[in-house]
Amino acid sequence: MSPRSRLLLAMMAWCLAAVAVMLPLVWLINNRDWGVALMLLVPFVVYGLLRLGRILEGWARATPPPSGQ
């Protein structure tokens, strides 16, 4: 797998995770009376997404092990 394709795959995985987590959270905050209390979770969710992004970036930029010997 080429480094460029790994980077694109990591970006797509992060975007999918961000949409899958943030969309329901934003919908609940907007449409439920008790949704305002979920605002307390938002910084932790954003921090988790940032950590996931760093992990995926490390995976995408990792050099493959030398082959042959």
C-alpha atoms as a PDB file:
ATOM      1  CA  MET A   1       0.000   0.000   0.000  1.00  0.00           C
ATOM      2  CA  SER A   2       1.480   3.336  -1.016  1.00  0.00           C
ATOM      3  CA  PRO A   3       1.951   6.134   1.535  1.00  0.00           C
ATOM      4  CA  ARG A   4      -0.485   8.353  -0.340  1.00  0.00           C
ATOM      5  CA  SER A   5      -3.245   5.740  -0.274  1.00  0.00           C
ATOM      6  CA  ARG A   6      -2.619   5.113   3.446  1.00  0.00           C
ATOM      7  CA  LEU A   7      -2.948   8.844   4.103  1.00  0.00           C
ATOM      8  CA  LEU A   8      -6.184   9.044   2.111  1.00  0.00           C
ATOM      9  CA  LEU A   9      -7.551   5.986   3.884  1.00  0.00           C
ATOM     10  CA  ALA A  10      -6.688   7.503   7.273  1.00  0.00           C
ATOM     11  CA  MET A  11      -8.373  10.783   6.333  1.00  0.00           C
ATOM     12  CA  MET A  12     -11.504   9.008   5.147  1.00  0.00           C
ATOM     13  CA  ALA A  13     -11.622   6.901   8.322  1.00  0.00           C
ATOM     14  CA  TRP A  14     -11.288  10.010  10.500  1.00  0.00           C
ATOM     15  CA  CYS A  15     -13.986  11.890   8.572  1.00  0.00           C
ATOM     16  CA  LEU A  16     -16.333   8.919   8.838  1.00  0.00           C
ATOM     17  CA  ALA A  17     -15.700   8.634  12.584  1.00  0.00           C
ATOM     18  CA  ALA A  18     -16.188  12.381  13.067  1.00  0.00           C
ATOM     19  CA  VAL A  19     -19.509  12.383  11.226  1.00  0.00           C
ATOM     20  CA  ALA A  20     -20.676   9.211  12.983  1.00  0.00           C
ATOM     21  CA  VAL A  21     -19.964  10.711  16.408  1.00  0.00           C
ATOM     22  CA  MET A  22     -20.756  14.391  15.935  1.00  0.00           C
ATOM     23  CA  LEU A  23     -23.930  14.169  13.862  1.00  0.00           C
ATOM     24  CA  PRO A  24     -26.017  12.315  16.477  1.00  0.00           C
ATOM     25  CA  LEU A  25     -24.533  14.453  19.251  1.00  0.00           C
ATOM     26  CA  VAL A  26     -25.416  17.692  17.493  1.00  0.00           C
ATOM     27  CA  TRP A  27     -28.870  16.388  16.631  1.00  0.00           C
ATOM     28  CA  LEU A  28     -29.553  15.458  20.255  1.00  0.00           C
ATOM     29  CA  ILE A  29     -28.303  18.820  21.522  1.00  0.00           C
ATOM     30  CA  ASN A  30     -30.535  20.624  19.055  1.00  0.00           C
ATOM     31  CA  ASN A  31     -33.731  18.565  19.327  1.00  0.00           C
ATOM     32  CA  ARG A  32     -34.052  17.407  22.932  1.00  0.00           C
ATOM     33  CA  ASP A  33     -34.780  19.451  26.009  1.00  0.00           C
ATOM     34  CA  TRP A  34     -32.096  17.603  27.929  1.00  0.00           C
ATOM     35  CA  GLY A  35     -29.685  17.922  25.005  1.00  0.00           C
ATOM     36  CA  VAL A  36     -28.138  21.058  26.460  1.00  0.00           C
ATOM     37  CA  ALA A  37     -26.604  18.872  29.165  1.00  0.00           C
ATOM     38  CA  LEU A  38     -24.729  17.027  26.407  1.00  0.00           C
ATOM     39  CA  MET A  39     -22.730  20.200  25.807  1.00  0.00           C
ATOM     40  CA  LEU A  40     -20.613  19.053  28.735  1.00  0.00           C
ATOM     41  CA  LEU A  41     -19.506  16.043  26.655  1.00  0.00           C
ATOM     42  CA  VAL A  42     -18.478  18.007  23.572  1.00  0.00           C
ATOM     43  CA  PRO A  43     -14.919  18.898  24.701  1.00  0.00           C
ATOM     44  CA  PHE A  44     -14.207  15.248  25.491  1.00  0.00           C
ATOM     45  CA  VAL A  45     -15.595  14.108  22.143  1.00  0.00           C
ATOM     46  CA  VAL A  46     -13.498  16.687  20.292  1.00  0.00           C
ATOM     47  CA  TYR A  47     -10.410  15.651  22.266  1.00  0.00           C
ATOM     48  CA  GLY A  48     -11.066  12.008  21.383  1.00  0.00           C
ATOM     49  CA  LEU A  49     -11.378  12.898  17.700  1.00  0.00           C
ATOM     50  CA  LEU A  50      -8.096  14.810  17.860  1.00  0.00           C
ATOM     51  CA  ARG A  51      -6.380  11.814  19.453  1.00  0.00           C
ATOM     52  CA  LEU A  52      -7.850   9.510  16.807  1.00  0.00           C
ATOM     53  CA  GLY A  53      -6.524  11.841  14.119  1.00  0.00           C
ATOM     54  CA  ARG A  54      -3.021  11.710  15.583  1.00  0.00           C
ATOM     55  CA  ILE A  55      -3.127   7.922  15.816  1.00  0.00           C
ATOM     56  CA  LEU A  56      -4.325   7.609  12.224  1.00  0.00           C
ATOM     57  CA  GLU A  57      -1.676  10.056  11.046  1.00  0.00           C
ATOM     58  CA  GLY A  58       1.013   7.996  12.756  1.00  0.00           C
ATOM     59  CA  TRP A  59      -0.309   4.884  11.065  1.00  0.00           C
ATOM     60  CA  ALA A  60      -0.441   6.581   7.669  1.00  0.00           C
ATOM     61  CA  ARG A  61       3.075   8.018   7.904  1.00  0.00           C
ATOM     62  CA  ALA A  62       4.743   4.909   9.340  1.00  0.00           C
ATOM     63  CA  THR A  63       7.549   3.587   7.217  1.00  0.00           C
ATOM     64  CA  PRO A  64       7.121  -0.013   6.130  1.00  0.00           C
ATOM     65  CA  PRO A  65       9.642  -2.511   7.525  1.00  0.00           C
ATOM     66  CA  PRO A  66      12.503  -3.395   5.207  1.00  0.00           C
ATOM     67  CA  SER A  67      11.790  -6.471   3.161  1.00  0.00           C
ATOM     68  CA  GLY A  68      14.119  -9.140   1.937  1.00  0.00           C
ATOM     69  CA  GLN A  69      16.703  -9.538   4.686  1.00  0.00           C
END
